[in-house]
């Protein structure tokens, strides 16, 4: 019997209904912030340099806006509709900064089902205080075949000081 935390199961186009919801939660660690900068190439000092960031409008280091956007991608790819989803479009509106150790919850809601397996999904991202940090809409092609599979294991990567 497999642990549900280690399993990814999709929701097919036929199973989805307007109004269906799902969530995905992640906390921004120092390692994730630095790794995102390394992977994306966005080394803006407002993300990485405490002294520089102290002089910014935010007064402290903040996350890359696209880190929050990437959580929407993760929610669509792993939760709803899940494995087999094809991402077509995404609109994003950044509402407030995300800071180190913030815990973000992506709230997805199916707005409409369109022809050819396409689904429009409302995306609302909130921090641990319930404050909206990102809003937007995604268009995806939902999978047509049901799958349930083991979640791939990623290596543990940390930043050396």
N, C-alpha and C. Protein backbone atom coordinates (compact mmCIF):
# COMPACT_ATOMS: atom_id res chain seq x y z
N UNK A 1 0.85 -1.19 0.00
CA UNK A 1 0.00 0.00 0.00
C UNK A 1 0.88 1.24 0.00
N UNK A 2 0.66 2.13 -0.95
CA UNK A 2 1.54 3.29 -1.06
C UNK A 2 1.01 4.45 -0.23
N UNK A 3 1.92 5.26 0.23
CA UNK A 3 1.60 6.46 0.99
C UNK A 3 1.09 7.52 0.02
N UNK A 4 -0.06 8.15 0.32
CA UNK A 4 -0.64 9.13 -0.59
C UNK A 4 0.27 10.34 -0.78
N UNK A 5 1.17 10.62 0.19
CA UNK A 5 2.09 11.74 0.03
C UNK A 5 3.15 11.45 -1.03
N UNK A 6 3.38 10.18 -1.31
CA UNK A 6 4.37 9.78 -2.30
C UNK A 6 3.74 9.49 -3.67
N UNK A 7 2.43 9.74 -3.80
CA UNK A 7 1.71 9.41 -5.01
C UNK A 7 1.16 10.67 -5.66
N UNK A 8 1.28 10.74 -6.97
CA UNK A 8 0.65 11.80 -7.75
C UNK A 8 -0.48 11.16 -8.54
N UNK A 9 -1.68 11.74 -8.45
CA UNK A 9 -2.81 11.24 -9.22
C UNK A 9 -3.48 12.43 -9.88
N UNK A 10 -3.77 12.29 -11.17
CA UNK A 10 -4.36 13.42 -11.88
C UNK A 10 -5.88 13.40 -11.79
N UNK A 11 -6.46 14.50 -12.25
CA UNK A 11 -7.90 14.64 -12.40
C UNK A 11 -8.11 14.89 -13.89
N UNK A 12 -8.78 13.98 -14.56
CA UNK A 12 -8.92 14.08 -16.01
C UNK A 12 -9.91 15.18 -16.38
N UNK A 13 -9.86 15.56 -17.63
CA UNK A 13 -10.78 16.57 -18.16
C UNK A 13 -12.23 16.18 -17.85
N UNK A 14 -12.59 14.91 -18.08
CA UNK A 14 -13.96 14.47 -17.84
C UNK A 14 -14.34 14.52 -16.37
N UNK A 15 -13.36 14.37 -15.47
CA UNK A 15 -13.65 14.40 -14.02
C UNK A 15 -13.75 15.83 -13.47
N UNK A 16 -13.14 16.79 -14.16
CA UNK A 16 -13.16 18.18 -13.68
C UNK A 16 -14.52 18.82 -13.87
N UNK A 17 -14.88 19.67 -12.91
CA UNK A 17 -16.13 20.43 -13.00
C UNK A 17 -15.85 21.88 -12.66
N UNK A 18 -16.61 22.79 -13.26
CA UNK A 18 -16.50 24.20 -12.90
C UNK A 18 -16.73 24.32 -11.40
N UNK A 19 -15.88 25.14 -10.75
CA UNK A 19 -15.99 25.33 -9.30
C UNK A 19 -15.09 24.42 -8.49
N UNK A 20 -14.51 23.37 -9.11
CA UNK A 20 -13.59 22.49 -8.38
C UNK A 20 -12.39 23.31 -7.89
N UNK A 21 -11.88 22.97 -6.71
CA UNK A 21 -10.76 23.69 -6.13
C UNK A 21 -9.67 22.73 -5.68
N UNK A 22 -8.47 23.29 -5.54
CA UNK A 22 -7.33 22.53 -5.02
C UNK A 22 -6.32 23.52 -4.46
N UNK A 23 -5.45 23.04 -3.58
CA UNK A 23 -4.42 23.90 -2.98
C UNK A 23 -3.06 23.21 -3.05
N UNK A 24 -2.03 24.05 -2.95
CA UNK A 24 -0.63 23.61 -2.92
C UNK A 24 0.11 24.60 -2.04
N UNK A 25 0.89 24.12 -1.08
CA UNK A 25 1.54 25.01 -0.10
C UNK A 25 3.04 24.77 -0.08
N UNK A 26 3.79 25.86 0.03
CA UNK A 26 5.26 25.78 0.08
C UNK A 26 5.80 26.96 0.88
N UNK A 27 6.88 26.73 1.63
CA UNK A 27 7.55 27.78 2.41
C UNK A 27 8.86 28.14 1.74
N UNK A 28 9.13 29.45 1.64
CA UNK A 28 10.36 29.93 1.01
C UNK A 28 11.52 29.90 2.00
N UNK A 29 12.48 29.03 1.75
CA UNK A 29 13.69 28.95 2.57
C UNK A 29 14.82 29.74 1.91
N UNK A 30 15.85 29.99 2.67
CA UNK A 30 17.05 30.65 2.12
C UNK A 30 17.61 29.83 0.96
N UNK A 31 17.71 28.52 1.14
CA UNK A 31 18.24 27.66 0.08
C UNK A 31 17.41 27.77 -1.19
N UNK A 32 16.08 27.73 -1.05
CA UNK A 32 15.23 27.80 -2.23
C UNK A 32 15.36 29.14 -2.94
N UNK A 33 15.46 30.22 -2.18
CA UNK A 33 15.63 31.55 -2.78
C UNK A 33 16.91 31.60 -3.60
N UNK A 34 18.02 31.15 -3.02
CA UNK A 34 19.31 31.19 -3.71
C UNK A 34 19.33 30.22 -4.90
N UNK A 35 18.76 29.04 -4.73
CA UNK A 35 18.71 28.09 -5.84
C UNK A 35 17.85 28.61 -6.98
N UNK A 36 16.74 29.28 -6.65
CA UNK A 36 15.90 29.86 -7.71
C UNK A 36 16.69 30.91 -8.48
N UNK A 37 17.45 31.73 -7.75
CA UNK A 37 18.29 32.74 -8.42
C UNK A 37 19.30 32.05 -9.34
N UNK A 38 19.90 30.97 -8.87
CA UNK A 38 20.90 30.27 -9.67
C UNK A 38 20.27 29.64 -10.91
N UNK A 39 19.14 28.99 -10.75
CA UNK A 39 18.50 28.31 -11.87
C UNK A 39 17.95 29.30 -12.88
N UNK A 40 17.35 30.39 -12.40
CA UNK A 40 16.72 31.36 -13.30
C UNK A 40 17.72 32.36 -13.89
N UNK A 41 18.84 32.57 -13.19
CA UNK A 41 19.80 33.59 -13.62
C UNK A 41 19.45 34.98 -13.13
N UNK A 42 18.35 35.11 -12.38
CA UNK A 42 17.92 36.41 -11.86
C UNK A 42 18.64 36.64 -10.53
N UNK A 43 19.74 37.38 -10.61
CA UNK A 43 20.55 37.66 -9.42
C UNK A 43 20.38 39.12 -8.97
N UNK A 44 19.22 39.69 -9.20
CA UNK A 44 18.91 41.03 -8.73
C UNK A 44 19.25 41.08 -7.23
N UNK A 45 20.05 42.06 -6.80
CA UNK A 45 20.46 42.10 -5.40
C UNK A 45 19.31 42.29 -4.41
N UNK A 46 18.14 42.72 -4.85
CA UNK A 46 17.01 42.82 -3.93
C UNK A 46 16.61 41.44 -3.40
N UNK A 47 17.02 40.39 -4.13
CA UNK A 47 16.74 39.02 -3.69
C UNK A 47 17.87 38.44 -2.86
N UNK A 48 19.10 38.90 -3.09
CA UNK A 48 20.26 38.19 -2.56
C UNK A 48 21.15 39.00 -1.62
N UNK A 49 21.08 40.31 -1.64
CA UNK A 49 21.99 41.17 -0.88
C UNK A 49 21.21 41.94 0.17
N UNK A 50 21.37 41.56 1.45
CA UNK A 50 20.61 42.19 2.54
C UNK A 50 20.84 43.68 2.63
N UNK A 51 22.09 44.11 2.45
CA UNK A 51 22.41 45.54 2.54
C UNK A 51 21.72 46.32 1.42
N UNK A 52 21.83 45.81 0.21
CA UNK A 52 21.15 46.46 -0.92
C UNK A 52 19.64 46.50 -0.69
N UNK A 53 19.08 45.37 -0.28
CA UNK A 53 17.63 45.27 -0.10
C UNK A 53 17.13 46.20 1.01
N UNK A 54 17.96 46.45 2.02
CA UNK A 54 17.57 47.35 3.11
C UNK A 54 17.29 48.75 2.59
N UNK A 55 17.95 49.14 1.50
CA UNK A 55 17.74 50.45 0.91
C UNK A 55 16.63 50.48 -0.13
N UNK A 56 15.99 49.35 -0.35
CA UNK A 56 14.92 49.28 -1.35
C UNK A 56 13.58 49.64 -0.72
N UNK A 57 12.55 49.74 -1.53
CA UNK A 57 11.21 50.04 -1.03
C UNK A 57 10.68 48.95 -0.12
N UNK A 58 11.28 47.74 -0.17
CA UNK A 58 10.82 46.62 0.64
C UNK A 58 11.53 46.52 1.99
N UNK A 59 12.68 47.21 2.12
CA UNK A 59 13.47 47.27 3.35
C UNK A 59 14.11 45.94 3.75
N UNK A 60 13.90 44.90 2.96
CA UNK A 60 14.53 43.60 3.22
C UNK A 60 14.49 42.78 1.94
N UNK A 61 15.22 41.68 1.93
CA UNK A 61 15.25 40.80 0.77
C UNK A 61 13.85 40.24 0.50
N UNK A 62 13.53 40.10 -0.78
CA UNK A 62 12.24 39.52 -1.17
C UNK A 62 12.48 38.40 -2.17
N UNK A 63 11.47 37.56 -2.31
CA UNK A 63 11.52 36.46 -3.27
C UNK A 63 11.34 37.00 -4.68
N UNK A 64 11.80 36.24 -5.64
CA UNK A 64 11.51 36.51 -7.04
C UNK A 64 10.01 36.34 -7.24
N UNK A 65 9.39 37.25 -7.98
CA UNK A 65 7.97 37.10 -8.27
C UNK A 65 7.67 35.78 -8.95
N UNK A 66 8.57 35.35 -9.81
CA UNK A 66 8.33 34.11 -10.54
C UNK A 66 8.46 32.87 -9.68
N UNK A 67 9.04 32.99 -8.47
CA UNK A 67 9.01 31.84 -7.55
C UNK A 67 7.55 31.56 -7.20
N UNK A 68 6.80 32.61 -6.91
CA UNK A 68 5.37 32.44 -6.63
C UNK A 68 4.66 31.88 -7.86
N UNK A 69 5.03 32.40 -9.04
CA UNK A 69 4.45 31.88 -10.28
C UNK A 69 4.77 30.42 -10.49
N UNK A 70 5.97 30.02 -10.11
CA UNK A 70 6.36 28.61 -10.28
C UNK A 70 5.55 27.69 -9.37
N UNK A 71 5.07 28.22 -8.24
CA UNK A 71 4.23 27.41 -7.36
C UNK A 71 2.88 27.13 -8.02
N UNK A 72 2.39 28.09 -8.81
CA UNK A 72 1.15 27.85 -9.56
C UNK A 72 1.39 26.71 -10.55
N UNK A 73 2.52 26.76 -11.24
CA UNK A 73 2.86 25.69 -12.18
C UNK A 73 2.91 24.34 -11.46
N UNK A 74 3.53 24.31 -10.28
CA UNK A 74 3.63 23.07 -9.51
C UNK A 74 2.25 22.57 -9.11
N UNK A 75 1.36 23.48 -8.70
CA UNK A 75 0.01 23.09 -8.30
C UNK A 75 -0.76 22.49 -9.47
N UNK A 76 -0.65 23.13 -10.64
CA UNK A 76 -1.33 22.62 -11.82
C UNK A 76 -0.77 21.26 -12.25
N UNK A 77 0.54 21.11 -12.15
CA UNK A 77 1.21 19.90 -12.63
C UNK A 77 1.09 18.71 -11.68
N UNK A 78 0.93 18.98 -10.38
CA UNK A 78 0.95 17.87 -9.43
C UNK A 78 -0.37 17.65 -8.69
N UNK A 79 -1.26 18.66 -8.67
CA UNK A 79 -2.49 18.53 -7.89
C UNK A 79 -3.75 18.56 -8.76
N UNK A 80 -3.98 19.67 -9.47
CA UNK A 80 -5.18 19.79 -10.30
C UNK A 80 -4.88 20.63 -11.54
N UNK A 81 -4.98 20.06 -12.71
CA UNK A 81 -5.38 18.69 -13.03
C UNK A 81 -4.34 17.61 -12.70
N UNK A 82 -3.07 17.95 -12.56
CA UNK A 82 -2.07 16.97 -12.16
C UNK A 82 -1.26 16.42 -13.33
N UNK A 83 -0.58 15.28 -13.11
CA UNK A 83 0.31 14.72 -14.11
C UNK A 83 -0.37 14.57 -15.48
N UNK A 84 0.34 15.04 -16.51
CA UNK A 84 -0.18 15.00 -17.87
C UNK A 84 -0.75 16.33 -18.32
N UNK A 85 -0.86 17.30 -17.40
CA UNK A 85 -1.38 18.62 -17.74
C UNK A 85 -0.39 19.35 -18.64
N UNK A 86 -0.91 20.04 -19.64
CA UNK A 86 -0.09 20.86 -20.53
C UNK A 86 -0.45 22.32 -20.27
N UNK A 87 0.55 23.10 -19.88
CA UNK A 87 0.40 24.51 -19.54
C UNK A 87 0.39 25.32 -20.84
N UNK A 88 -0.64 26.12 -21.07
CA UNK A 88 -0.73 26.92 -22.29
C UNK A 88 -0.50 28.41 -22.05
N UNK A 89 -1.14 28.96 -21.03
CA UNK A 89 -1.06 30.40 -20.77
C UNK A 89 -1.16 30.66 -19.28
N UNK A 90 -0.61 31.83 -18.88
CA UNK A 90 -0.71 32.25 -17.48
C UNK A 90 -0.69 33.77 -17.42
N UNK A 91 -1.65 34.36 -16.74
CA UNK A 91 -1.57 35.78 -16.41
C UNK A 91 -1.24 35.87 -14.93
N UNK A 92 -0.43 36.87 -14.57
CA UNK A 92 -0.02 37.04 -13.17
C UNK A 92 -0.09 38.51 -12.80
N UNK A 93 -0.60 38.77 -11.63
CA UNK A 93 -0.58 40.12 -11.07
C UNK A 93 0.03 40.00 -9.67
N UNK A 94 1.18 40.66 -9.48
CA UNK A 94 1.90 40.58 -8.20
C UNK A 94 1.35 41.65 -7.27
N UNK A 95 0.81 41.24 -6.13
CA UNK A 95 0.10 42.14 -5.23
C UNK A 95 0.93 42.64 -4.06
N UNK A 96 1.82 41.79 -3.54
CA UNK A 96 2.66 42.19 -2.42
C UNK A 96 3.89 41.31 -2.40
N UNK A 97 4.97 41.78 -1.76
CA UNK A 97 6.21 41.00 -1.77
C UNK A 97 6.11 39.73 -0.93
N UNK A 98 6.90 38.75 -1.32
CA UNK A 98 7.06 37.51 -0.57
C UNK A 98 8.43 37.56 0.07
N UNK A 99 8.49 37.25 1.36
CA UNK A 99 9.73 37.35 2.12
C UNK A 99 10.21 35.96 2.55
N UNK A 100 11.47 35.90 2.95
CA UNK A 100 12.01 34.64 3.45
C UNK A 100 11.12 34.08 4.56
N UNK A 101 10.95 32.78 4.54
CA UNK A 101 10.14 32.03 5.51
C UNK A 101 8.65 32.24 5.37
N UNK A 102 8.20 33.00 4.37
CA UNK A 102 6.76 33.08 4.10
C UNK A 102 6.29 31.72 3.60
N UNK A 103 5.09 31.34 3.99
CA UNK A 103 4.45 30.12 3.51
C UNK A 103 3.32 30.53 2.59
N UNK A 104 3.44 30.12 1.34
CA UNK A 104 2.43 30.47 0.34
C UNK A 104 1.52 29.29 0.05
N UNK A 105 0.24 29.60 -0.10
CA UNK A 105 -0.74 28.60 -0.52
C UNK A 105 -1.33 29.05 -1.84
N UNK A 106 -1.20 28.19 -2.83
CA UNK A 106 -1.81 28.41 -4.14
C UNK A 106 -3.22 27.83 -4.07
N UNK A 107 -4.20 28.64 -4.39
CA UNK A 107 -5.59 28.21 -4.45
C UNK A 107 -6.01 28.21 -5.91
N UNK A 108 -6.38 27.05 -6.40
CA UNK A 108 -6.83 26.90 -7.79
C UNK A 108 -8.33 26.68 -7.80
N UNK A 109 -8.99 27.24 -8.82
CA UNK A 109 -10.43 27.03 -8.99
C UNK A 109 -10.74 26.93 -10.47
N UNK A 110 -11.41 25.87 -10.88
CA UNK A 110 -11.80 25.71 -12.27
C UNK A 110 -12.88 26.73 -12.60
N UNK A 111 -12.56 27.62 -13.56
CA UNK A 111 -13.52 28.63 -13.98
C UNK A 111 -14.39 28.13 -15.13
N UNK A 112 -13.77 27.43 -16.08
CA UNK A 112 -14.55 26.93 -17.21
C UNK A 112 -13.82 25.79 -17.90
N UNK A 113 -14.62 24.95 -18.55
CA UNK A 113 -14.09 23.89 -19.40
C UNK A 113 -14.40 24.29 -20.83
N UNK A 114 -13.39 24.19 -21.69
CA UNK A 114 -13.52 24.59 -23.08
C UNK A 114 -13.30 23.38 -23.97
N UNK A 115 -13.57 23.52 -25.26
CA UNK A 115 -13.33 22.39 -26.18
C UNK A 115 -11.86 21.95 -26.20
N UNK A 116 -11.64 20.76 -26.70
CA UNK A 116 -10.30 20.20 -26.90
C UNK A 116 -9.53 20.04 -25.59
N UNK A 117 -10.22 19.76 -24.51
CA UNK A 117 -9.58 19.48 -23.23
C UNK A 117 -9.05 20.68 -22.49
N UNK A 118 -9.37 21.87 -22.99
CA UNK A 118 -8.84 23.08 -22.35
C UNK A 118 -9.66 23.47 -21.13
N UNK A 119 -8.93 23.97 -20.13
CA UNK A 119 -9.55 24.36 -18.86
C UNK A 119 -8.96 25.70 -18.44
N UNK A 120 -9.82 26.61 -17.99
CA UNK A 120 -9.39 27.90 -17.45
C UNK A 120 -9.47 27.81 -15.93
N UNK A 121 -8.36 28.16 -15.28
CA UNK A 121 -8.23 28.01 -13.84
C UNK A 121 -7.86 29.35 -13.20
N UNK A 122 -8.64 29.76 -12.20
CA UNK A 122 -8.29 30.95 -11.42
C UNK A 122 -7.17 30.56 -10.46
N UNK A 123 -6.19 31.47 -10.31
CA UNK A 123 -5.03 31.22 -9.46
C UNK A 123 -4.93 32.34 -8.43
N UNK A 124 -4.99 31.98 -7.17
CA UNK A 124 -4.94 32.94 -6.08
C UNK A 124 -3.87 32.44 -5.10
N UNK A 125 -2.83 33.24 -4.88
CA UNK A 125 -1.74 32.83 -4.01
C UNK A 125 -1.74 33.74 -2.79
N UNK A 126 -1.76 33.12 -1.61
CA UNK A 126 -1.82 33.89 -0.35
C UNK A 126 -0.71 33.45 0.59
N UNK A 127 -0.26 34.41 1.40
CA UNK A 127 0.78 34.09 2.40
C UNK A 127 0.13 33.54 3.67
N UNK A 128 0.97 33.27 4.66
CA UNK A 128 0.50 32.65 5.90
C UNK A 128 -0.46 33.53 6.68
N UNK A 129 -0.53 34.82 6.34
CA UNK A 129 -1.45 35.74 7.00
C UNK A 129 -2.74 35.93 6.21
N UNK A 130 -2.90 35.15 5.14
CA UNK A 130 -4.10 35.24 4.32
C UNK A 130 -4.08 36.40 3.34
N UNK A 131 -2.93 37.07 3.21
CA UNK A 131 -2.81 38.21 2.30
C UNK A 131 -2.50 37.71 0.89
N UNK A 132 -3.21 38.24 -0.09
CA UNK A 132 -2.98 37.84 -1.47
C UNK A 132 -1.64 38.39 -1.95
N UNK A 133 -0.80 37.51 -2.50
CA UNK A 133 0.48 37.94 -3.05
C UNK A 133 0.50 37.89 -4.57
N UNK A 134 -0.30 36.99 -5.16
CA UNK A 134 -0.39 36.88 -6.61
C UNK A 134 -1.82 36.46 -6.98
N UNK A 135 -2.31 37.02 -8.08
CA UNK A 135 -3.56 36.53 -8.65
C UNK A 135 -3.35 36.36 -10.15
N UNK A 136 -4.18 35.54 -10.76
CA UNK A 136 -4.07 35.34 -12.19
C UNK A 136 -4.99 34.25 -12.68
N UNK A 137 -4.82 33.92 -13.95
CA UNK A 137 -5.57 32.84 -14.57
C UNK A 137 -4.62 32.01 -15.42
N UNK A 138 -4.88 30.72 -15.41
CA UNK A 138 -4.11 29.80 -16.25
C UNK A 138 -5.05 29.13 -17.24
N UNK A 139 -4.50 28.80 -18.40
CA UNK A 139 -5.19 27.95 -19.37
C UNK A 139 -4.32 26.72 -19.56
N UNK A 140 -4.93 25.56 -19.41
CA UNK A 140 -4.21 24.30 -19.55
C UNK A 140 -5.00 23.34 -20.42
N UNK A 141 -4.31 22.32 -20.88
CA UNK A 141 -4.99 21.16 -21.46
C UNK A 141 -4.95 20.09 -20.37
N UNK A 142 -6.11 19.68 -19.92
CA UNK A 142 -6.19 18.66 -18.88
C UNK A 142 -5.94 17.29 -19.48
N UNK A 143 -5.37 16.39 -18.69
CA UNK A 143 -5.13 15.04 -19.19
C UNK A 143 -6.45 14.32 -19.48
N UNK A 144 -6.42 13.40 -20.42
CA UNK A 144 -7.62 12.61 -20.73
C UNK A 144 -7.55 11.20 -20.16
N UNK A 145 -6.33 10.76 -19.83
CA UNK A 145 -6.17 9.43 -19.25
C UNK A 145 -5.80 9.53 -17.79
N UNK A 146 -6.44 8.72 -16.96
CA UNK A 146 -6.18 8.70 -15.52
C UNK A 146 -4.82 8.06 -15.26
N UNK A 147 -4.01 8.73 -14.42
CA UNK A 147 -2.74 8.15 -14.00
C UNK A 147 -2.56 8.34 -12.50
N UNK A 148 -1.90 7.38 -11.92
CA UNK A 148 -1.49 7.45 -10.51
C UNK A 148 -0.09 6.88 -10.49
N UNK A 149 0.87 7.68 -10.00
CA UNK A 149 2.26 7.24 -10.05
C UNK A 149 3.02 7.75 -8.84
N UNK A 150 4.16 7.12 -8.61
CA UNK A 150 5.02 7.55 -7.50
C UNK A 150 5.62 8.91 -7.81
N UNK A 151 5.63 9.78 -6.83
CA UNK A 151 6.22 11.11 -6.98
C UNK A 151 7.73 10.95 -7.12
N UNK A 152 8.33 11.54 -8.16
CA UNK A 152 9.78 11.45 -8.31
C UNK A 152 10.49 12.08 -7.10
N UNK A 153 11.55 11.44 -6.67
CA UNK A 153 12.32 11.96 -5.53
C UNK A 153 13.44 12.86 -6.05
N UNK A 154 13.53 14.04 -5.49
CA UNK A 154 14.58 14.98 -5.86
C UNK A 154 15.74 14.87 -4.88
N UNK A 155 16.95 15.13 -5.35
CA UNK A 155 18.09 15.13 -4.41
C UNK A 155 17.96 16.30 -3.44
N UNK A 156 18.46 16.13 -2.26
CA UNK A 156 18.50 17.22 -1.28
C UNK A 156 19.67 18.10 -1.65
N UNK A 157 19.40 19.37 -1.97
CA UNK A 157 20.45 20.29 -2.38
C UNK A 157 20.47 21.45 -1.39
N UNK A 158 21.64 21.76 -0.87
CA UNK A 158 21.77 22.91 0.03
C UNK A 158 22.90 23.79 -0.46
N UNK A 159 22.87 25.01 -0.02
CA UNK A 159 23.87 25.99 -0.40
C UNK A 159 24.99 25.95 0.63
N UNK A 160 26.22 25.81 0.15
CA UNK A 160 27.37 25.84 1.05
C UNK A 160 27.70 27.28 1.41
N UNK A 161 27.95 27.53 2.67
CA UNK A 161 28.29 28.90 3.11
C UNK A 161 29.74 29.22 2.85
